[in-house]
N, C-alpha and C. Protein backbone atom coordinates (compact mmCIF):
# COMPACT_ATOMS: atom_id res chain seq x y z
N UNK A 1 -166.73 -56.99 80.03
CA UNK A 1 -166.80 -56.38 78.71
C UNK A 1 -165.64 -56.88 77.86
N UNK A 2 -165.90 -57.15 76.60
CA UNK A 2 -164.89 -57.64 75.66
C UNK A 2 -163.89 -56.54 75.33
N UNK A 3 -162.69 -56.98 74.92
CA UNK A 3 -161.64 -56.04 74.51
C UNK A 3 -162.13 -55.16 73.36
N UNK A 4 -162.85 -55.75 72.41
CA UNK A 4 -163.36 -54.99 71.27
C UNK A 4 -164.29 -53.87 71.74
N UNK A 5 -165.09 -54.14 72.76
CA UNK A 5 -166.00 -53.11 73.28
C UNK A 5 -165.22 -51.98 73.95
N UNK A 6 -164.16 -52.33 74.65
CA UNK A 6 -163.32 -51.32 75.30
C UNK A 6 -162.66 -50.45 74.24
N UNK A 7 -162.12 -51.09 73.19
CA UNK A 7 -161.47 -50.34 72.11
C UNK A 7 -162.47 -49.41 71.44
N UNK A 8 -163.68 -49.92 71.17
CA UNK A 8 -164.69 -49.08 70.53
C UNK A 8 -165.07 -47.90 71.42
N UNK A 9 -165.17 -48.13 72.74
CA UNK A 9 -165.52 -47.03 73.64
C UNK A 9 -164.42 -45.97 73.64
N UNK A 10 -163.16 -46.40 73.56
CA UNK A 10 -162.04 -45.45 73.49
C UNK A 10 -162.10 -44.68 72.18
N UNK A 11 -162.43 -45.36 71.08
CA UNK A 11 -162.54 -44.69 69.79
C UNK A 11 -163.66 -43.66 69.79
N UNK A 12 -164.78 -43.97 70.45
CA UNK A 12 -165.86 -42.98 70.59
C UNK A 12 -165.31 -41.75 71.31
N UNK A 13 -164.58 -41.99 72.40
CA UNK A 13 -164.00 -40.89 73.18
C UNK A 13 -163.01 -40.07 72.38
N UNK A 14 -162.14 -40.73 71.64
CA UNK A 14 -161.13 -40.02 70.85
C UNK A 14 -161.80 -39.25 69.71
N UNK A 15 -162.84 -39.83 69.12
CA UNK A 15 -163.60 -39.12 68.09
C UNK A 15 -164.26 -37.86 68.64
N UNK A 16 -164.84 -37.98 69.83
CA UNK A 16 -165.43 -36.80 70.48
C UNK A 16 -164.35 -35.78 70.85
N UNK A 17 -163.20 -36.29 71.27
CA UNK A 17 -162.09 -35.39 71.62
C UNK A 17 -161.62 -34.60 70.40
N UNK A 18 -161.56 -35.27 69.24
CA UNK A 18 -161.18 -34.56 68.01
C UNK A 18 -162.17 -33.45 67.72
N UNK A 19 -163.46 -33.74 67.91
CA UNK A 19 -164.50 -32.73 67.70
C UNK A 19 -164.34 -31.56 68.68
N UNK A 20 -163.86 -31.85 69.89
CA UNK A 20 -163.61 -30.79 70.88
C UNK A 20 -162.50 -29.85 70.42
N UNK A 21 -161.65 -30.32 69.51
CA UNK A 21 -160.61 -29.47 68.95
C UNK A 21 -161.16 -28.38 68.04
N UNK A 22 -162.35 -28.60 67.49
CA UNK A 22 -162.99 -27.58 66.65
C UNK A 22 -163.84 -26.63 67.48
N UNK A 23 -164.63 -27.17 68.38
CA UNK A 23 -165.46 -26.40 69.32
C UNK A 23 -165.47 -27.17 70.62
N UNK A 24 -165.33 -26.48 71.72
CA UNK A 24 -165.23 -27.16 73.02
C UNK A 24 -166.57 -27.75 73.45
N UNK A 25 -167.64 -26.98 73.33
CA UNK A 25 -168.90 -27.39 73.94
C UNK A 25 -169.84 -28.18 73.03
N UNK A 26 -169.78 -27.99 71.72
CA UNK A 26 -170.69 -28.69 70.81
C UNK A 26 -170.57 -30.21 70.94
N UNK A 27 -169.34 -30.78 70.94
CA UNK A 27 -169.23 -32.24 71.11
C UNK A 27 -169.70 -32.71 72.49
N UNK A 28 -169.47 -31.90 73.51
CA UNK A 28 -169.94 -32.27 74.84
C UNK A 28 -171.46 -32.28 74.89
N UNK A 29 -172.09 -31.35 74.16
CA UNK A 29 -173.55 -31.35 74.05
C UNK A 29 -174.02 -32.61 73.32
N UNK A 30 -173.32 -32.99 72.25
CA UNK A 30 -173.65 -34.23 71.53
C UNK A 30 -173.51 -35.44 72.45
N UNK A 31 -172.46 -35.47 73.25
CA UNK A 31 -172.26 -36.54 74.22
C UNK A 31 -173.42 -36.58 75.22
N UNK A 32 -173.81 -35.41 75.70
CA UNK A 32 -174.90 -35.30 76.67
C UNK A 32 -176.21 -35.80 76.08
N UNK A 33 -176.53 -35.36 74.86
CA UNK A 33 -177.75 -35.81 74.19
C UNK A 33 -177.68 -37.31 73.88
N UNK A 34 -176.51 -37.77 73.47
CA UNK A 34 -176.32 -39.20 73.20
C UNK A 34 -176.51 -40.04 74.44
N UNK A 35 -176.03 -39.56 75.57
CA UNK A 35 -176.21 -40.27 76.83
C UNK A 35 -177.68 -40.29 77.25
N UNK A 36 -178.36 -39.15 77.08
CA UNK A 36 -179.77 -39.05 77.47
C UNK A 36 -180.66 -39.96 76.63
N UNK A 37 -180.31 -40.12 75.35
CA UNK A 37 -181.13 -40.93 74.45
C UNK A 37 -180.70 -42.40 74.40
N UNK A 38 -179.57 -42.72 75.04
CA UNK A 38 -179.09 -44.10 75.04
C UNK A 38 -178.20 -44.44 73.86
N UNK A 39 -177.87 -43.45 73.03
CA UNK A 39 -176.99 -43.70 71.88
C UNK A 39 -175.54 -43.87 72.32
N UNK A 40 -175.20 -43.34 73.49
CA UNK A 40 -173.84 -43.44 74.02
C UNK A 40 -173.91 -44.04 75.42
N UNK A 41 -173.07 -45.03 75.66
CA UNK A 41 -172.96 -45.60 77.00
C UNK A 41 -171.83 -44.88 77.73
N UNK A 42 -172.18 -44.22 78.83
CA UNK A 42 -171.15 -43.53 79.61
C UNK A 42 -170.67 -44.44 80.73
N UNK A 43 -169.48 -44.17 81.22
CA UNK A 43 -168.89 -44.95 82.29
C UNK A 43 -169.63 -44.70 83.59
N UNK A 44 -169.46 -45.61 84.52
CA UNK A 44 -170.09 -45.47 85.84
C UNK A 44 -169.61 -44.17 86.48
N UNK A 45 -170.54 -43.42 87.04
CA UNK A 45 -170.22 -42.15 87.67
C UNK A 45 -170.38 -40.96 86.74
N UNK A 46 -170.58 -41.23 85.45
CA UNK A 46 -170.74 -40.16 84.46
C UNK A 46 -172.19 -40.03 83.97
N UNK A 47 -173.12 -40.69 84.64
CA UNK A 47 -174.51 -40.67 84.21
C UNK A 47 -175.10 -39.26 84.20
N UNK A 48 -174.57 -38.39 85.04
CA UNK A 48 -175.05 -37.01 85.12
C UNK A 48 -174.91 -36.26 83.79
N UNK A 49 -174.01 -36.75 82.92
CA UNK A 49 -173.78 -36.09 81.63
C UNK A 49 -175.07 -36.01 80.81
N UNK A 50 -175.94 -37.00 80.96
CA UNK A 50 -177.19 -37.03 80.21
C UNK A 50 -178.36 -36.41 80.93
N UNK A 51 -178.12 -35.73 82.03
CA UNK A 51 -179.21 -35.13 82.80
C UNK A 51 -179.74 -33.87 82.11
N UNK A 52 -181.01 -33.52 82.36
CA UNK A 52 -181.56 -32.29 81.75
C UNK A 52 -180.74 -31.05 82.08
N UNK A 53 -180.24 -30.96 83.31
CA UNK A 53 -179.44 -29.79 83.70
C UNK A 53 -178.16 -29.70 82.88
N UNK A 54 -177.50 -30.84 82.64
CA UNK A 54 -176.28 -30.86 81.85
C UNK A 54 -176.57 -30.48 80.40
N UNK A 55 -177.68 -30.99 79.87
CA UNK A 55 -178.06 -30.67 78.48
C UNK A 55 -178.29 -29.17 78.32
N UNK A 56 -179.03 -28.58 79.25
CA UNK A 56 -179.31 -27.13 79.17
C UNK A 56 -178.02 -26.33 79.29
N UNK A 57 -177.19 -26.68 80.28
CA UNK A 57 -175.94 -25.94 80.50
C UNK A 57 -175.02 -26.03 79.26
N UNK A 58 -174.90 -27.22 78.69
CA UNK A 58 -174.04 -27.39 77.52
C UNK A 58 -174.64 -26.74 76.27
N UNK A 59 -175.96 -26.71 76.17
CA UNK A 59 -176.60 -26.03 75.04
C UNK A 59 -176.34 -24.53 75.10
N UNK A 60 -176.47 -23.94 76.29
CA UNK A 60 -176.22 -22.51 76.46
C UNK A 60 -174.75 -22.20 76.17
N UNK A 61 -173.85 -23.02 76.71
CA UNK A 61 -172.42 -22.82 76.48
C UNK A 61 -172.09 -22.94 74.99
N UNK A 62 -172.72 -23.89 74.30
CA UNK A 62 -172.48 -24.08 72.86
C UNK A 62 -172.92 -22.86 72.06
N UNK A 63 -174.11 -22.34 72.37
CA UNK A 63 -174.63 -21.16 71.65
C UNK A 63 -173.71 -19.96 71.86
N UNK A 64 -173.27 -19.75 73.11
CA UNK A 64 -172.37 -18.63 73.40
C UNK A 64 -171.02 -18.78 72.68
N UNK A 65 -170.50 -19.99 72.69
CA UNK A 65 -169.21 -20.24 72.03
C UNK A 65 -169.33 -20.03 70.52
N UNK A 66 -170.40 -20.56 69.93
CA UNK A 66 -170.60 -20.41 68.48
C UNK A 66 -170.71 -18.93 68.12
N UNK A 67 -171.53 -18.19 68.86
CA UNK A 67 -171.72 -16.76 68.59
C UNK A 67 -170.44 -15.97 68.73
N UNK A 68 -169.64 -16.29 69.74
CA UNK A 68 -168.41 -15.54 70.00
C UNK A 68 -167.40 -15.69 68.86
N UNK A 69 -167.40 -16.85 68.20
CA UNK A 69 -166.46 -17.06 67.09
C UNK A 69 -166.81 -16.25 65.85
N UNK A 70 -167.99 -15.64 65.82
CA UNK A 70 -168.37 -14.80 64.68
C UNK A 70 -168.11 -13.32 64.95
N UNK A 71 -167.52 -13.01 66.09
CA UNK A 71 -167.19 -11.63 66.41
C UNK A 71 -165.70 -11.42 66.14
N UNK A 72 -165.36 -10.52 65.19
CA UNK A 72 -163.94 -10.28 64.88
C UNK A 72 -163.16 -9.88 66.12
N UNK A 73 -161.95 -10.33 66.20
CA UNK A 73 -161.01 -10.10 67.31
C UNK A 73 -161.33 -11.01 68.49
N UNK A 74 -162.62 -11.22 68.80
CA UNK A 74 -162.98 -12.13 69.89
C UNK A 74 -162.60 -13.55 69.51
N UNK A 75 -162.75 -13.90 68.23
CA UNK A 75 -162.43 -15.26 67.80
C UNK A 75 -160.95 -15.59 68.04
N UNK A 76 -160.06 -14.64 67.75
CA UNK A 76 -158.63 -14.88 68.00
C UNK A 76 -158.33 -14.93 69.50
N UNK A 77 -159.02 -14.10 70.28
CA UNK A 77 -158.83 -14.13 71.73
C UNK A 77 -159.31 -15.47 72.30
N UNK A 78 -160.41 -15.99 71.76
CA UNK A 78 -160.92 -17.29 72.22
C UNK A 78 -159.93 -18.41 71.95
N UNK A 79 -159.20 -18.31 70.83
CA UNK A 79 -158.23 -19.35 70.51
C UNK A 79 -157.17 -19.50 71.60
N UNK A 80 -156.84 -18.41 72.28
CA UNK A 80 -155.83 -18.47 73.35
C UNK A 80 -156.30 -19.36 74.50
N UNK A 81 -157.59 -19.29 74.83
CA UNK A 81 -158.10 -20.12 75.93
C UNK A 81 -158.66 -21.44 75.43
N UNK A 82 -158.95 -21.53 74.12
CA UNK A 82 -159.56 -22.74 73.58
C UNK A 82 -158.59 -23.92 73.60
N UNK A 83 -157.29 -23.65 73.46
CA UNK A 83 -156.33 -24.77 73.43
C UNK A 83 -156.36 -25.55 74.75
N UNK A 84 -156.19 -24.91 75.91
CA UNK A 84 -156.28 -25.71 77.14
C UNK A 84 -157.69 -26.25 77.39
N UNK A 85 -158.72 -25.46 77.07
CA UNK A 85 -160.10 -25.94 77.29
C UNK A 85 -160.42 -27.14 76.41
N UNK A 86 -159.99 -27.12 75.16
CA UNK A 86 -160.24 -28.24 74.25
C UNK A 86 -159.52 -29.49 74.75
N UNK A 87 -158.30 -29.31 75.25
CA UNK A 87 -157.54 -30.45 75.77
C UNK A 87 -158.24 -31.07 76.97
N UNK A 88 -158.73 -30.23 77.87
CA UNK A 88 -159.46 -30.73 79.04
C UNK A 88 -160.76 -31.40 78.60
N UNK A 89 -161.50 -30.76 77.68
CA UNK A 89 -162.76 -31.33 77.21
C UNK A 89 -162.54 -32.67 76.52
N UNK A 90 -161.49 -32.75 75.70
CA UNK A 90 -161.17 -34.01 75.03
C UNK A 90 -160.82 -35.11 76.01
N UNK A 91 -160.09 -34.75 77.05
CA UNK A 91 -159.74 -35.73 78.09
C UNK A 91 -160.99 -36.22 78.81
N UNK A 92 -161.86 -35.29 79.19
CA UNK A 92 -163.09 -35.65 79.91
C UNK A 92 -164.03 -36.47 79.04
N UNK A 93 -164.16 -36.08 77.76
CA UNK A 93 -165.04 -36.83 76.86
C UNK A 93 -164.57 -38.27 76.71
N UNK A 94 -163.27 -38.46 76.57
CA UNK A 94 -162.73 -39.81 76.42
C UNK A 94 -162.90 -40.60 77.71
N UNK A 95 -162.62 -39.99 78.85
CA UNK A 95 -162.77 -40.68 80.14
C UNK A 95 -164.22 -41.06 80.40
N UNK A 96 -165.16 -40.22 79.96
CA UNK A 96 -166.57 -40.47 80.27
C UNK A 96 -167.15 -41.67 79.54
N UNK A 97 -166.54 -42.06 78.43
CA UNK A 97 -167.08 -43.20 77.67
C UNK A 97 -166.16 -44.41 77.66
N UNK A 98 -164.98 -44.31 78.25
CA UNK A 98 -164.03 -45.43 78.27
C UNK A 98 -164.44 -46.42 79.36
N UNK A 99 -165.13 -47.46 78.95
CA UNK A 99 -165.73 -48.38 79.90
C UNK A 99 -164.76 -49.47 80.36
N UNK A 100 -165.06 -50.02 81.54
CA UNK A 100 -164.37 -51.18 82.09
C UNK A 100 -162.84 -51.11 82.07
N UNK A 101 -162.32 -50.00 82.54
CA UNK A 101 -160.87 -49.86 82.66
C UNK A 101 -160.55 -49.47 84.10
N UNK A 102 -159.41 -49.90 84.59
CA UNK A 102 -158.99 -49.39 85.89
C UNK A 102 -158.81 -47.88 85.80
N UNK A 103 -159.09 -47.14 86.87
CA UNK A 103 -159.03 -45.67 86.80
C UNK A 103 -157.71 -45.12 86.27
N UNK A 104 -156.60 -45.68 86.68
CA UNK A 104 -155.30 -45.18 86.22
C UNK A 104 -155.16 -45.32 84.71
N UNK A 105 -155.56 -46.47 84.18
CA UNK A 105 -155.49 -46.70 82.74
C UNK A 105 -156.48 -45.79 82.00
N UNK A 106 -157.71 -45.67 82.54
CA UNK A 106 -158.72 -44.82 81.90
C UNK A 106 -158.23 -43.39 81.76
N UNK A 107 -157.69 -42.82 82.84
CA UNK A 107 -157.26 -41.42 82.80
C UNK A 107 -155.99 -41.24 81.98
N UNK A 108 -155.14 -42.26 81.95
CA UNK A 108 -153.94 -42.18 81.10
C UNK A 108 -154.33 -42.17 79.63
N UNK A 109 -155.22 -43.08 79.24
CA UNK A 109 -155.70 -43.14 77.86
C UNK A 109 -156.44 -41.85 77.51
N UNK A 110 -157.27 -41.38 78.45
CA UNK A 110 -158.06 -40.16 78.21
C UNK A 110 -157.15 -38.95 78.00
N UNK A 111 -156.12 -38.83 78.84
CA UNK A 111 -155.23 -37.67 78.74
C UNK A 111 -154.36 -37.73 77.49
N UNK A 112 -153.81 -38.92 77.21
CA UNK A 112 -152.89 -39.04 76.07
C UNK A 112 -153.63 -39.07 74.75
N UNK A 113 -154.59 -39.98 74.62
CA UNK A 113 -155.31 -40.13 73.34
C UNK A 113 -156.34 -39.03 73.16
N UNK A 114 -157.21 -38.84 74.16
CA UNK A 114 -158.27 -37.84 74.04
C UNK A 114 -157.75 -36.42 74.09
N UNK A 115 -157.01 -36.12 75.14
CA UNK A 115 -156.45 -34.77 75.28
C UNK A 115 -155.49 -34.43 74.17
N UNK A 116 -154.68 -35.43 73.78
CA UNK A 116 -153.72 -35.22 72.69
C UNK A 116 -154.40 -34.95 71.36
N UNK A 117 -155.46 -35.69 71.08
CA UNK A 117 -156.20 -35.48 69.82
C UNK A 117 -156.84 -34.10 69.80
N UNK A 118 -157.49 -33.71 70.89
CA UNK A 118 -158.13 -32.39 70.96
C UNK A 118 -157.09 -31.27 70.82
N UNK A 119 -155.96 -31.43 71.48
CA UNK A 119 -154.88 -30.44 71.41
C UNK A 119 -154.36 -30.31 69.98
N UNK A 120 -154.17 -31.42 69.30
CA UNK A 120 -153.65 -31.39 67.94
C UNK A 120 -154.61 -30.69 66.98
N UNK A 121 -155.89 -31.05 67.07
CA UNK A 121 -156.89 -30.43 66.19
C UNK A 121 -157.02 -28.95 66.49
N UNK A 122 -157.11 -28.59 67.77
CA UNK A 122 -157.26 -27.18 68.14
C UNK A 122 -156.04 -26.37 67.73
N UNK A 123 -154.85 -26.93 67.89
CA UNK A 123 -153.62 -26.21 67.49
C UNK A 123 -153.61 -25.97 65.98
N UNK A 124 -154.04 -26.96 65.22
CA UNK A 124 -154.08 -26.81 63.76
C UNK A 124 -155.10 -25.75 63.36
N UNK A 125 -156.28 -25.76 63.96
CA UNK A 125 -157.30 -24.77 63.58
C UNK A 125 -156.91 -23.37 64.04
N UNK A 126 -156.24 -23.27 65.17
CA UNK A 126 -155.75 -21.97 65.65
C UNK A 126 -154.72 -21.40 64.67
N UNK A 127 -153.84 -22.26 64.15
CA UNK A 127 -152.84 -21.83 63.18
C UNK A 127 -153.51 -21.38 61.88
N UNK A 128 -154.53 -22.12 61.45
CA UNK A 128 -155.26 -21.73 60.23
C UNK A 128 -155.87 -20.35 60.42
N UNK A 129 -156.48 -20.10 61.58
CA UNK A 129 -157.10 -18.79 61.86
C UNK A 129 -156.01 -17.71 61.88
N UNK A 130 -154.85 -18.02 62.45
CA UNK A 130 -153.76 -17.04 62.51
C UNK A 130 -153.27 -16.69 61.10
N UNK A 131 -153.37 -17.64 60.17
CA UNK A 131 -152.97 -17.40 58.79
C UNK A 131 -154.05 -16.59 58.05
N UNK A 132 -155.32 -16.96 58.26
CA UNK A 132 -156.40 -16.29 57.51
C UNK A 132 -156.66 -14.87 57.99
N UNK A 133 -156.40 -14.60 59.26
CA UNK A 133 -156.68 -13.26 59.79
C UNK A 133 -155.90 -12.17 59.07
N UNK A 134 -154.56 -12.25 58.97
CA UNK A 134 -153.85 -11.18 58.27
C UNK A 134 -154.11 -11.17 56.75
N UNK A 135 -154.31 -12.33 56.17
CA UNK A 135 -154.52 -12.42 54.72
C UNK A 135 -155.84 -11.78 54.32
N UNK A 136 -156.88 -11.97 55.15
CA UNK A 136 -158.22 -11.45 54.81
C UNK A 136 -158.63 -10.27 55.69
N UNK A 137 -157.70 -9.74 56.47
CA UNK A 137 -157.99 -8.66 57.43
C UNK A 137 -159.12 -9.06 58.38
N UNK A 138 -159.20 -10.35 58.69
CA UNK A 138 -160.21 -10.85 59.62
C UNK A 138 -161.55 -11.13 58.99
N UNK A 139 -161.74 -10.70 57.73
CA UNK A 139 -163.03 -10.87 57.07
C UNK A 139 -163.31 -12.32 56.69
N UNK A 140 -162.28 -13.11 56.52
CA UNK A 140 -162.46 -14.52 56.17
C UNK A 140 -162.64 -15.42 57.37
N UNK A 141 -162.53 -14.87 58.57
CA UNK A 141 -162.62 -15.70 59.76
C UNK A 141 -163.99 -16.34 59.95
N UNK A 142 -165.05 -15.68 59.44
CA UNK A 142 -166.37 -16.28 59.59
C UNK A 142 -166.47 -17.57 58.78
N UNK A 143 -165.71 -17.65 57.69
CA UNK A 143 -165.70 -18.89 56.90
C UNK A 143 -165.02 -20.00 57.69
N UNK A 144 -163.90 -19.65 58.33
CA UNK A 144 -163.20 -20.62 59.18
C UNK A 144 -164.09 -21.04 60.34
N UNK A 145 -164.77 -20.07 60.96
CA UNK A 145 -165.66 -20.37 62.10
C UNK A 145 -166.78 -21.30 61.69
N UNK A 146 -167.35 -21.06 60.51
CA UNK A 146 -168.44 -21.93 60.03
C UNK A 146 -167.91 -23.33 59.73
N UNK A 147 -166.74 -23.41 59.11
CA UNK A 147 -166.14 -24.70 58.83
C UNK A 147 -165.85 -25.48 60.11
N UNK A 148 -165.34 -24.79 61.12
CA UNK A 148 -165.06 -25.45 62.40
C UNK A 148 -166.34 -25.95 63.06
N UNK A 149 -167.40 -25.15 62.99
CA UNK A 149 -168.68 -25.56 63.58
C UNK A 149 -169.23 -26.80 62.87
N UNK A 150 -169.18 -26.79 61.54
CA UNK A 150 -169.65 -27.95 60.78
C UNK A 150 -168.82 -29.18 61.13
N UNK A 151 -167.50 -29.02 61.21
CA UNK A 151 -166.62 -30.14 61.54
C UNK A 151 -166.87 -30.66 62.95
N UNK A 152 -167.08 -29.74 63.90
CA UNK A 152 -167.35 -30.16 65.28
C UNK A 152 -168.63 -30.97 65.36
N UNK A 153 -169.67 -30.49 64.70
CA UNK A 153 -170.96 -31.17 64.73
C UNK A 153 -170.88 -32.52 64.02
N UNK A 154 -170.34 -32.50 62.81
CA UNK A 154 -170.24 -33.73 62.02
C UNK A 154 -169.34 -34.75 62.72
N UNK A 155 -168.20 -34.30 63.24
CA UNK A 155 -167.26 -35.21 63.91
C UNK A 155 -167.87 -35.84 65.15
N UNK A 156 -168.63 -35.04 65.92
CA UNK A 156 -169.26 -35.56 67.14
C UNK A 156 -170.31 -36.61 66.81
N UNK A 157 -171.13 -36.34 65.80
CA UNK A 157 -172.15 -37.32 65.40
C UNK A 157 -171.50 -38.59 64.86
N UNK A 158 -170.48 -38.40 64.04
CA UNK A 158 -169.75 -39.54 63.49
C UNK A 158 -169.09 -40.36 64.60
N UNK A 159 -168.53 -39.69 65.61
CA UNK A 159 -167.87 -40.39 66.72
C UNK A 159 -168.86 -41.27 67.49
N UNK A 160 -170.10 -40.80 67.60
CA UNK A 160 -171.10 -41.56 68.35
C UNK A 160 -171.57 -42.78 67.56
N UNK A 161 -171.77 -42.61 66.26
CA UNK A 161 -172.36 -43.69 65.48
C UNK A 161 -171.36 -44.51 64.66
N UNK A 162 -170.25 -43.91 64.23
CA UNK A 162 -169.22 -44.61 63.45
C UNK A 162 -167.84 -44.20 63.96
N UNK A 163 -167.47 -44.64 65.16
CA UNK A 163 -166.23 -44.13 65.79
C UNK A 163 -164.95 -44.41 65.02
N UNK A 164 -164.84 -45.56 64.37
CA UNK A 164 -163.61 -45.86 63.63
C UNK A 164 -163.44 -44.86 62.49
N UNK A 165 -164.51 -44.62 61.74
CA UNK A 165 -164.46 -43.66 60.64
C UNK A 165 -164.18 -42.26 61.16
N UNK A 166 -164.76 -41.93 62.32
CA UNK A 166 -164.55 -40.60 62.91
C UNK A 166 -163.08 -40.37 63.22
N UNK A 167 -162.42 -41.34 63.81
CA UNK A 167 -161.00 -41.19 64.16
C UNK A 167 -160.15 -41.12 62.89
N UNK A 168 -160.43 -41.98 61.91
CA UNK A 168 -159.66 -41.95 60.66
C UNK A 168 -159.87 -40.62 59.93
N UNK A 169 -161.11 -40.14 59.91
CA UNK A 169 -161.40 -38.86 59.25
C UNK A 169 -160.68 -37.72 59.96
N UNK A 170 -160.64 -37.76 61.28
CA UNK A 170 -159.96 -36.71 62.04
C UNK A 170 -158.47 -36.70 61.75
N UNK A 171 -157.88 -37.87 61.66
CA UNK A 171 -156.46 -37.94 61.31
C UNK A 171 -156.21 -37.40 59.91
N UNK A 172 -157.13 -37.69 58.99
CA UNK A 172 -157.01 -37.17 57.63
C UNK A 172 -157.11 -35.66 57.59
N UNK A 173 -158.05 -35.10 58.34
CA UNK A 173 -158.21 -33.63 58.39
C UNK A 173 -156.97 -32.98 58.98
N UNK A 174 -156.42 -33.58 60.03
CA UNK A 174 -155.19 -33.04 60.64
C UNK A 174 -154.06 -33.02 59.60
N UNK A 175 -153.92 -34.11 58.85
CA UNK A 175 -152.88 -34.17 57.82
C UNK A 175 -153.07 -33.08 56.77
N UNK A 176 -154.31 -32.86 56.34
CA UNK A 176 -154.61 -31.83 55.34
C UNK A 176 -154.30 -30.44 55.90
N UNK A 177 -154.73 -30.17 57.13
CA UNK A 177 -154.47 -28.85 57.74
C UNK A 177 -152.97 -28.60 57.87
N UNK A 178 -152.23 -29.62 58.30
CA UNK A 178 -150.78 -29.45 58.43
C UNK A 178 -150.12 -29.20 57.08
N UNK A 179 -150.61 -29.88 56.03
CA UNK A 179 -150.05 -29.67 54.70
C UNK A 179 -150.31 -28.24 54.22
N UNK A 180 -151.52 -27.72 54.49
CA UNK A 180 -151.85 -26.34 54.11
C UNK A 180 -150.96 -25.36 54.86
N UNK A 181 -150.80 -25.58 56.16
CA UNK A 181 -149.98 -24.68 56.99
C UNK A 181 -148.53 -24.69 56.50
N UNK A 182 -147.99 -25.88 56.26
CA UNK A 182 -146.60 -25.97 55.80
C UNK A 182 -146.41 -25.33 54.43
N UNK A 183 -147.38 -25.51 53.56
CA UNK A 183 -147.29 -24.90 52.22
C UNK A 183 -147.31 -23.38 52.32
N UNK A 184 -148.18 -22.85 53.15
CA UNK A 184 -148.26 -21.41 53.32
C UNK A 184 -146.97 -20.86 53.92
N UNK A 185 -146.43 -21.55 54.91
CA UNK A 185 -145.19 -21.07 55.55
C UNK A 185 -144.01 -21.12 54.59
N UNK A 186 -144.00 -22.08 53.66
CA UNK A 186 -142.93 -22.15 52.68
C UNK A 186 -143.04 -21.02 51.66
N UNK A 187 -144.27 -20.65 51.32
CA UNK A 187 -144.47 -19.61 50.32
C UNK A 187 -144.17 -18.22 50.86
N UNK A 188 -144.36 -17.99 52.15
CA UNK A 188 -144.14 -16.66 52.72
C UNK A 188 -142.72 -16.18 52.54
N UNK A 189 -141.68 -16.97 52.85
CA UNK A 189 -140.31 -16.48 52.63
C UNK A 189 -140.01 -16.23 51.16
N UNK A 190 -140.58 -17.08 50.26
CA UNK A 190 -140.36 -16.88 48.82
C UNK A 190 -140.97 -15.56 48.37
N UNK A 191 -142.16 -15.25 48.85
CA UNK A 191 -142.84 -14.01 48.49
C UNK A 191 -142.08 -12.80 49.03
N UNK A 192 -141.57 -12.93 50.25
CA UNK A 192 -140.79 -11.84 50.86
C UNK A 192 -139.51 -11.60 50.06
N UNK A 193 -138.86 -12.68 49.64
CA UNK A 193 -137.62 -12.56 48.86
C UNK A 193 -137.90 -11.86 47.52
N UNK A 194 -139.03 -12.20 46.87
CA UNK A 194 -139.39 -11.55 45.60
C UNK A 194 -139.63 -10.05 45.80
N UNK A 195 -140.27 -9.70 46.91
CA UNK A 195 -140.57 -8.29 47.17
C UNK A 195 -139.32 -7.46 47.45
N UNK A 196 -138.27 -8.12 47.96
CA UNK A 196 -137.04 -7.43 48.28
C UNK A 196 -136.18 -7.18 47.05
N UNK A 197 -136.46 -7.91 45.96
CA UNK A 197 -135.63 -7.76 44.74
C UNK A 197 -136.00 -6.49 44.01
């Protein structure tokens, strides 16, 4: 396999990993469907990802995860376990599509690039939810949940068909989320100081 093909396979994995930062199971379901239809080439030993049993299991897990994020208080509790789960899912998604690499290199790239991307996106979205919960008394969380679902779905599809754009878009979204978080954190002390006067 050519170097360009290896790089593209890693970009598909990193794009899927970014999507795992929004929702853990939706991108894995996209990977499973992509493998079953031939849209995604999985690495040797990962063919089971496209099996009917895997598709059904990931579809059920996706529906449960999506529904749980629309239940107030449960969504914040899920964020506590979503960070490690997203990191693991991002690592596995990247490893499953990273073709023609020695195992040590594949898992290193998967853990650092894939797991790191999923961790970064999930940490940013968790922080956004932590900000919106007190501001809206939890009532705005369904908007965040819907946005995350749309981003997970769109990012996963983009990662499969346009991986370079998917990774660049994910980096752009991370930059925007961090800017929003930093702006909000800067305004909070100023608002507190005004209230004390």
